[in-house]
Amino acid sequence: MICDFLLIEVDLLMNFKQSILGAAAIYMTNRVTNKKNLWNLELQKASGGLTENDLSPIYDKLFNSIKII
């Protein structure tokens, strides 16, 4: 469902690779569901080295877009 919201936000689609958006969707899901460890080393390795700091700005844009809907 979160990935569906990515389709609405054209700015995100135009400015970020799909792999980064997918990682941001996982990060957002973990954050919204109050996971203790939002982005662990395993996820960082699987994403090609993306850190929580890399994903946080994308999360902010996506979250703000969803709030408007």
C-alpha atoms as a PDB file:
ATOM      1  CA  MET A   1       0.000   0.000   0.000  1.00  0.00           C
ATOM      2  CA  ILE A   2       2.786   2.447   0.802  1.00  0.00           C
ATOM      3  CA  CYS A   3       4.347   1.727  -2.582  1.00  0.00           C
ATOM      4  CA  ASP A   4       0.997   2.714  -4.148  1.00  0.00           C
ATOM      5  CA  PHE A   5       1.350   6.165  -2.601  1.00  0.00           C
ATOM      6  CA  LEU A   6       4.713   6.505  -4.310  1.00  0.00           C
ATOM      7  CA  LEU A   7       2.891   6.419  -7.641  1.00  0.00           C
ATOM      8  CA  ILE A   8       0.926   9.506  -6.650  1.00  0.00           C
ATOM      9  CA  GLU A   9       3.997  11.549  -5.801  1.00  0.00           C
ATOM     10  CA  VAL A  10       5.497  12.287  -9.221  1.00  0.00           C
ATOM     11  CA  ASP A  11       8.373  14.285  -7.716  1.00  0.00           C
ATOM     12  CA  LEU A  12       9.608  11.193  -5.896  1.00  0.00           C
ATOM     13  CA  LEU A  13       9.284   9.041  -9.006  1.00  0.00           C
ATOM     14  CA  MET A  14      11.229  11.508 -11.116  1.00  0.00           C
ATOM     15  CA  ASN A  15      14.060  12.148  -8.669  1.00  0.00           C
ATOM     16  CA  PHE A  16      14.820   8.779  -7.051  1.00  0.00           C
ATOM     17  CA  LYS A  17      15.647   5.293  -8.288  1.00  0.00           C
ATOM     18  CA  GLN A  18      12.962   2.667  -7.763  1.00  0.00           C
ATOM     19  CA  SER A  19      15.295   0.713  -5.478  1.00  0.00           C
ATOM     20  CA  ILE A  20      15.659   3.735  -3.199  1.00  0.00           C
ATOM     21  CA  LEU A  21      11.894   4.281  -3.166  1.00  0.00           C
ATOM     22  CA  GLY A  22      11.374   0.616  -2.284  1.00  0.00           C
ATOM     23  CA  ALA A  23      13.837   0.931   0.573  1.00  0.00           C
ATOM     24  CA  ALA A  24      12.076   4.109   1.737  1.00  0.00           C
ATOM     25  CA  ALA A  25       8.748   2.252   1.698  1.00  0.00           C
ATOM     26  CA  ILE A  26      10.223  -0.467   3.932  1.00  0.00           C
ATOM     27  CA  TYR A  27      11.699   2.191   6.208  1.00  0.00           C
ATOM     28  CA  MET A  28       8.353   3.984   6.383  1.00  0.00           C
ATOM     29  CA  THR A  29       6.487   0.772   7.166  1.00  0.00           C
ATOM     30  CA  ASN A  30       8.915   0.036   9.990  1.00  0.00           C
ATOM     31  CA  ARG A  31       8.538   3.566  11.320  1.00  0.00           C
ATOM     32  CA  VAL A  32       4.732   3.635  11.120  1.00  0.00           C
ATOM     33  CA  THR A  33       4.456   0.242  12.827  1.00  0.00           C
ATOM     34  CA  ASN A  34       6.795   1.385  15.623  1.00  0.00           C
ATOM     35  CA  LYS A  35       9.534  -1.153  15.019  1.00  0.00           C
ATOM     36  CA  LYS A  36      12.363  -0.806  17.510  1.00  0.00           C
ATOM     37  CA  ASN A  37      15.089  -1.023  14.889  1.00  0.00           C
ATOM     38  CA  LEU A  38      13.889   0.924  11.846  1.00  0.00           C
ATOM     39  CA  TRP A  39      16.838   0.261   9.583  1.00  0.00           C
ATOM     40  CA  ASN A  40      19.299  -2.405  10.652  1.00  0.00           C
ATOM     41  CA  LEU A  41      22.594  -3.540   9.171  1.00  0.00           C
ATOM     42  CA  GLU A  42      20.909  -6.354   7.239  1.00  0.00           C
ATOM     43  CA  LEU A  43      18.557  -3.913   5.502  1.00  0.00           C
ATOM     44  CA  GLN A  44      21.440  -1.547   4.872  1.00  0.00           C
ATOM     45  CA  LYS A  45      23.420  -4.314   3.158  1.00  0.00           C
ATOM     46  CA  ALA A  46      20.396  -5.505   1.159  1.00  0.00           C
ATOM     47  CA  SER A  47      19.755  -1.958  -0.079  1.00  0.00           C
ATOM     48  CA  GLY A  48      23.257  -1.485  -1.368  1.00  0.00           C
ATOM     49  CA  GLY A  49      24.460   0.514   1.606  1.00  0.00           C
ATOM     50  CA  LEU A  50      21.610   2.978   2.134  1.00  0.00           C
ATOM     51  CA  THR A  51      21.564   4.376   5.634  1.00  0.00           C
ATOM     52  CA  GLU A  52      18.719   5.722   7.725  1.00  0.00           C
ATOM     53  CA  ASN A  53      20.057   9.220   6.988  1.00  0.00           C
ATOM     54  CA  ASP A  54      19.759   8.518   3.250  1.00  0.00           C
ATOM     55  CA  LEU A  55      16.136   7.431   3.605  1.00  0.00           C
ATOM     56  CA  SER A  56      14.878   9.990   6.093  1.00  0.00           C
ATOM     57  CA  PRO A  57      14.376  12.869   3.584  1.00  0.00           C
ATOM     58  CA  ILE A  58      12.486  10.556   1.213  1.00  0.00           C
ATOM     59  CA  TYR A  59      10.375   9.326   4.123  1.00  0.00           C
ATOM     60  CA  ASP A  60       9.545  12.926   5.041  1.00  0.00           C
ATOM     61  CA  LYS A  61       8.373  13.731   1.497  1.00  0.00           C
ATOM     62  CA  LEU A  62       6.323  10.557   1.234  1.00  0.00           C
ATOM     63  CA  PHE A  63       4.792  10.961   4.691  1.00  0.00           C
ATOM     64  CA  ASN A  64       3.812  14.571   3.957  1.00  0.00           C
ATOM     65  CA  SER A  65       2.216  13.469   0.685  1.00  0.00           C
ATOM     66  CA  ILE A  66       0.154  10.809   2.442  1.00  0.00           C
ATOM     67  CA  LYS A  67      -0.967  13.256   5.133  1.00  0.00           C
ATOM     68  CA  ILE A  68      -2.457  15.489   2.432  1.00  0.00           C
ATOM     69  CA  ILE A  69      -4.492  12.614   1.000  1.00  0.00           C
END
